[in-house]
């Protein structure tokens, strides 16, 4: 993948900015803190998000199991400002990338990628399914996919 250089601002995008992008943002912030990469700004948003909703309890609980606190998260909609702000935008599913292209065709969209494509051994078409409404195991599986993908992303960036 041809990533823009340098990457100083990362935006994770899912549908509602309640589950997957929340976890990706939290994992990236932990990894960058652990590796001394505080110069990278990280945020999340949702292409269908309503503003100011908290992360659902299953996400808060699964994040806590992995040593992360997302209890203060509040959702925010994707916007042209956030798209312009980010050096790289990482979506969870290809339709989200397509929706960003449809909504803002005049913006620089060469920086929009699927997060799952950064997981070792995955093709660039790997999607991360939405666990919303699923079991605790679905949320854990989602977390693990996101963590592996974010680690791969960080390895690519560093």
C-alpha atoms as a PDB file:
ATOM      1  CA  UNK A   1       0.000   0.000   0.000  1.00  0.00           C
ATOM      2  CA  UNK A   2       1.237   3.442  -0.857  1.00  0.00           C
ATOM      3  CA  UNK A   3       0.716   5.463   2.286  1.00  0.00           C
ATOM      4  CA  UNK A   4       1.128   9.230   2.370  1.00  0.00           C
ATOM      5  CA  UNK A   5       4.275  10.392   4.150  1.00  0.00           C
ATOM      6  CA  UNK A   6       4.602  11.554   6.806  1.00  0.00           C
ATOM      7  CA  UNK A   7       1.573  10.350   8.744  1.00  0.00           C
ATOM      8  CA  UNK A   8       0.955  12.568  11.751  1.00  0.00           C
ATOM      9  CA  UNK A   9      -2.854  12.379  11.977  1.00  0.00           C
ATOM     10  CA  UNK A  10      -4.833   9.127  11.831  1.00  0.00           C
ATOM     11  CA  UNK A  11      -8.616   8.839  11.624  1.00  0.00           C
ATOM     12  CA  UNK A  12     -10.433   5.539  12.229  1.00  0.00           C
ATOM     13  CA  UNK A  13     -13.928   5.299  10.734  1.00  0.00           C
ATOM     14  CA  UNK A  14     -16.788   2.848  11.257  1.00  0.00           C
ATOM     15  CA  UNK A  15     -20.531   3.320  10.902  1.00  0.00           C
ATOM     16  CA  UNK A  16     -21.718   4.727  14.230  1.00  0.00           C
ATOM     17  CA  UNK A  17     -18.411   5.569  15.935  1.00  0.00           C
ATOM     18  CA  UNK A  18     -19.562   3.380  18.806  1.00  0.00           C
ATOM     19  CA  UNK A  19     -17.619   0.112  18.507  1.00  0.00           C
ATOM     20  CA  UNK A  20     -14.879  -0.586  15.976  1.00  0.00           C
ATOM     21  CA  UNK A  21     -13.425   2.874  15.432  1.00  0.00           C
ATOM     22  CA  UNK A  22     -13.556   3.465  19.198  1.00  0.00           C
ATOM     23  CA  UNK A  23     -11.490   0.337  19.821  1.00  0.00           C
ATOM     24  CA  UNK A  24      -9.062   1.153  17.002  1.00  0.00           C
ATOM     25  CA  UNK A  25      -8.493   4.648  18.381  1.00  0.00           C
ATOM     26  CA  UNK A  26      -7.905   3.300  21.899  1.00  0.00           C
ATOM     27  CA  UNK A  27      -5.539   0.551  20.720  1.00  0.00           C
ATOM     28  CA  UNK A  28      -3.527   2.999  18.594  1.00  0.00           C
ATOM     29  CA  UNK A  29      -3.231   5.463  21.460  1.00  0.00           C
ATOM     30  CA  UNK A  30      -1.946   2.714  23.760  1.00  0.00           C
ATOM     31  CA  UNK A  31       0.561   1.438  21.208  1.00  0.00           C
ATOM     32  CA  UNK A  32       1.847   4.887  20.369  1.00  0.00           C
ATOM     33  CA  UNK A  33       2.228   5.703  24.076  1.00  0.00           C
ATOM     34  CA  UNK A  34       4.091   2.424  24.669  1.00  0.00           C
ATOM     35  CA  UNK A  35       6.403   3.116  21.705  1.00  0.00           C
ATOM     36  CA  UNK A  36       6.962   6.818  22.378  1.00  0.00           C
ATOM     37  CA  UNK A  37       5.092   8.014  19.289  1.00  0.00           C
ATOM     38  CA  UNK A  38       3.156  10.843  20.912  1.00  0.00           C
ATOM     39  CA  UNK A  39       3.634  13.016  17.818  1.00  0.00           C
ATOM     40  CA  UNK A  40       0.870  11.082  16.029  1.00  0.00           C
ATOM     41  CA  UNK A  41      -2.642  12.438  16.635  1.00  0.00           C
ATOM     42  CA  UNK A  42      -5.448   9.856  16.599  1.00  0.00           C
ATOM     43  CA  UNK A  43      -9.219  10.314  16.303  1.00  0.00           C
ATOM     44  CA  UNK A  44     -12.320   8.385  15.262  1.00  0.00           C
ATOM     45  CA  UNK A  45     -15.650   9.105  13.592  1.00  0.00           C
ATOM     46  CA  UNK A  46     -18.622   7.371  11.986  1.00  0.00           C
ATOM     47  CA  UNK A  47     -20.133   7.768   8.531  1.00  0.00           C
ATOM     48  CA  UNK A  48     -23.603   7.295  10.023  1.00  0.00           C
ATOM     49  CA  UNK A  49     -22.860   8.498  13.548  1.00  0.00           C
ATOM     50  CA  UNK A  50     -25.121  10.678  15.603  1.00  0.00           C
ATOM     51  CA  UNK A  51     -23.173  13.082  17.798  1.00  0.00           C
ATOM     52  CA  UNK A  52     -22.405  12.578  21.471  1.00  0.00           C
ATOM     53  CA  UNK A  53     -23.465   8.967  22.097  1.00  0.00           C
ATOM     54  CA  UNK A  54     -21.398   6.876  24.545  1.00  0.00           C
ATOM     55  CA  UNK A  55     -19.768   3.597  23.592  1.00  0.00           C
ATOM     56  CA  UNK A  56     -22.144   0.699  24.380  1.00  0.00           C
ATOM     57  CA  UNK A  57     -21.524  -1.301  27.538  1.00  0.00           C
ATOM     58  CA  UNK A  58     -20.169  -4.411  25.725  1.00  0.00           C
ATOM     59  CA  UNK A  59     -17.449  -2.298  24.071  1.00  0.00           C
ATOM     60  CA  UNK A  60     -16.553  -0.621  27.367  1.00  0.00           C
ATOM     61  CA  UNK A  61     -16.346  -4.038  29.053  1.00  0.00           C
ATOM     62  CA  UNK A  62     -14.273  -5.707  26.330  1.00  0.00           C
ATOM     63  CA  UNK A  63     -11.924  -2.732  26.190  1.00  0.00           C
ATOM     64  CA  UNK A  64     -11.530  -2.941  29.962  1.00  0.00           C
ATOM     65  CA  UNK A  65     -10.653  -6.663  29.657  1.00  0.00           C
ATOM     66  CA  UNK A  66      -7.733  -5.602  27.455  1.00  0.00           C
ATOM     67  CA  UNK A  67      -6.642  -2.759  29.737  1.00  0.00           C
ATOM     68  CA  UNK A  68      -8.293   0.115  27.870  1.00  0.00           C
ATOM     69  CA  UNK A  69     -10.781   2.688  29.106  1.00  0.00           C
ATOM     70  CA  UNK A  70     -13.282   3.930  26.511  1.00  0.00           C
ATOM     71  CA  UNK A  71     -15.961   4.903  29.039  1.00  0.00           C
ATOM     72  CA  UNK A  72     -15.565   8.604  28.244  1.00  0.00           C
ATOM     73  CA  UNK A  73     -15.967   8.183  24.492  1.00  0.00           C
ATOM     74  CA  UNK A  74     -18.638  10.190  22.678  1.00  0.00           C
ATOM     75  CA  UNK A  75     -19.545   9.548  19.056  1.00  0.00           C
ATOM     76  CA  UNK A  76     -18.978  12.044  16.284  1.00  0.00           C
ATOM     77  CA  UNK A  77     -20.039  12.086  12.653  1.00  0.00           C
ATOM     78  CA  UNK A  78     -17.549  11.963   9.819  1.00  0.00           C
ATOM     79  CA  UNK A  79     -17.097  15.392   8.254  1.00  0.00           C
ATOM     80  CA  UNK A  80     -15.121  17.130   5.512  1.00  0.00           C
ATOM     81  CA  UNK A  81     -13.082  18.805   8.267  1.00  0.00           C
ATOM     82  CA  UNK A  82     -12.013  15.427   9.701  1.00  0.00           C
ATOM     83  CA  UNK A  83     -11.281  14.084   6.229  1.00  0.00           C
ATOM     84  CA  UNK A  84      -9.032  17.074   5.512  1.00  0.00           C
ATOM     85  CA  UNK A  85      -7.458  16.881   9.000  1.00  0.00           C
ATOM     86  CA  UNK A  86      -6.339  13.267   8.629  1.00  0.00           C
ATOM     87  CA  UNK A  87      -3.192  12.189   6.817  1.00  0.00           C
ATOM     88  CA  UNK A  88      -4.645   8.676   6.633  1.00  0.00           C
ATOM     89  CA  UNK A  89      -8.236   7.435   7.047  1.00  0.00           C
ATOM     90  CA  UNK A  90      -8.867   3.806   7.977  1.00  0.00           C
ATOM     91  CA  UNK A  91     -12.308   2.306   7.486  1.00  0.00           C
ATOM     92  CA  UNK A  92     -13.596  -1.015   8.780  1.00  0.00           C
ATOM     93  CA  UNK A  93     -15.540  -2.038   5.658  1.00  0.00           C
ATOM     94  CA  UNK A  94     -15.179  -1.218   1.972  1.00  0.00           C
ATOM     95  CA  UNK A  95     -18.647   0.327   1.715  1.00  0.00           C
ATOM     96  CA  UNK A  96     -17.496   2.965   4.223  1.00  0.00           C
ATOM     97  CA  UNK A  97     -14.580   3.866   1.972  1.00  0.00           C
ATOM     98  CA  UNK A  98     -17.013   4.033  -0.964  1.00  0.00           C
ATOM     99  CA  UNK A  99     -19.390   6.233   1.030  1.00  0.00           C
ATOM    100  CA  UNK A 100     -16.585   8.667   1.870  1.00  0.00           C
ATOM    101  CA  UNK A 101     -15.721   8.818  -1.849  1.00  0.00           C
ATOM    102  CA  UNK A 102     -19.386   9.427  -2.697  1.00  0.00           C
ATOM    103  CA  UNK A 103     -19.904  12.119  -0.055  1.00  0.00           C
ATOM    104  CA  UNK A 104     -16.703  14.084  -0.705  1.00  0.00           C
ATOM    105  CA  UNK A 105     -15.455  13.306  -4.233  1.00  0.00           C
ATOM    106  CA  UNK A 106     -13.546  16.583  -4.451  1.00  0.00           C
ATOM    107  CA  UNK A 107     -11.327  15.710  -1.450  1.00  0.00           C
ATOM    108  CA  UNK A 108      -8.017  13.827  -1.489  1.00  0.00           C
ATOM    109  CA  UNK A 109      -9.213  10.239  -1.197  1.00  0.00           C
ATOM    110  CA  UNK A 110      -5.920   8.453  -1.919  1.00  0.00           C
ATOM    111  CA  UNK A 111      -5.450   8.347   1.839  1.00  0.00           C
ATOM    112  CA  UNK A 112      -8.505   6.151   2.591  1.00  0.00           C
ATOM    113  CA  UNK A 113      -7.702   2.475   3.328  1.00  0.00           C
ATOM    114  CA  UNK A 114      -9.255  -0.580   4.969  1.00  0.00           C
ATOM    115  CA  UNK A 115      -7.768  -1.089   8.424  1.00  0.00           C
ATOM    116  CA  UNK A 116      -7.971  -4.890   8.116  1.00  0.00           C
ATOM    117  CA  UNK A 117      -5.628  -4.772   5.140  1.00  0.00           C
ATOM    118  CA  UNK A 118      -2.773  -4.036   7.548  1.00  0.00           C
ATOM    119  CA  UNK A 119      -3.148  -7.294   9.476  1.00  0.00           C
ATOM    120  CA  UNK A 120      -0.215  -9.606   8.698  1.00  0.00           C
ATOM    121  CA  UNK A 121      -1.082 -12.063   5.938  1.00  0.00           C
ATOM    122  CA  UNK A 122      -4.295 -10.256   4.941  1.00  0.00           C
ATOM    123  CA  UNK A 123      -5.121  -8.825   1.573  1.00  0.00           C
ATOM    124  CA  UNK A 124      -6.039  -5.168   1.277  1.00  0.00           C
ATOM    125  CA  UNK A 125      -9.710  -6.244   1.047  1.00  0.00           C
ATOM    126  CA  UNK A 126      -9.987  -7.573   4.646  1.00  0.00           C
ATOM    127  CA  UNK A 127     -13.037  -6.142   6.380  1.00  0.00           C
ATOM    128  CA  UNK A 128     -13.673  -6.006  10.129  1.00  0.00           C
ATOM    129  CA  UNK A 129     -17.265  -6.997  10.859  1.00  0.00           C
ATOM    130  CA  UNK A 130     -19.482  -4.969  13.175  1.00  0.00           C
ATOM    131  CA  UNK A 131     -20.027  -6.745  16.513  1.00  0.00           C
ATOM    132  CA  UNK A 132     -22.917  -4.456  17.488  1.00  0.00           C
ATOM    133  CA  UNK A 133     -25.774  -6.586  18.823  1.00  0.00           C
ATOM    134  CA  UNK A 134     -23.580  -9.671  18.978  1.00  0.00           C
ATOM    135  CA  UNK A 135     -22.250 -11.806  21.799  1.00  0.00           C
ATOM    136  CA  UNK A 136     -19.361 -10.999  24.115  1.00  0.00           C
ATOM    137  CA  UNK A 137     -17.231 -13.356  22.004  1.00  0.00           C
ATOM    138  CA  UNK A 138     -18.121 -11.348  18.887  1.00  0.00           C
ATOM    139  CA  UNK A 139     -16.857  -8.194  20.601  1.00  0.00           C
ATOM    140  CA  UNK A 140     -13.651  -9.956  21.721  1.00  0.00           C
ATOM    141  CA  UNK A 141     -13.039 -11.320  18.214  1.00  0.00           C
ATOM    142  CA  UNK A 142     -13.548  -7.826  16.807  1.00  0.00           C
ATOM    143  CA  UNK A 143     -11.109  -6.387  19.331  1.00  0.00           C
ATOM    144  CA  UNK A 144      -8.470  -8.964  18.399  1.00  0.00           C
ATOM    145  CA  UNK A 145      -8.870  -8.267  14.667  1.00  0.00           C
ATOM    146  CA  UNK A 146      -8.541  -4.547  15.320  1.00  0.00           C
ATOM    147  CA  UNK A 147      -5.516  -4.940  17.577  1.00  0.00           C
ATOM    148  CA  UNK A 148      -3.659  -7.076  15.020  1.00  0.00           C
ATOM    149  CA  UNK A 149      -4.551  -4.643  12.238  1.00  0.00           C
ATOM    150  CA  UNK A 150      -3.476  -1.577  14.222  1.00  0.00           C
ATOM    151  CA  UNK A 151      -0.180  -3.275  15.106  1.00  0.00           C
ATOM    152  CA  UNK A 152       0.360  -3.963  11.402  1.00  0.00           C
ATOM    153  CA  UNK A 153      -0.496  -0.372  10.558  1.00  0.00           C
ATOM    154  CA  UNK A 154       1.955   0.934  13.133  1.00  0.00           C
ATOM    155  CA  UNK A 155       4.638  -1.412  11.789  1.00  0.00           C
ATOM    156  CA  UNK A 156       4.041  -0.011   8.303  1.00  0.00           C
ATOM    157  CA  UNK A 157       4.213   3.579   9.530  1.00  0.00           C
ATOM    158  CA  UNK A 158       7.338   3.206  11.687  1.00  0.00           C
END
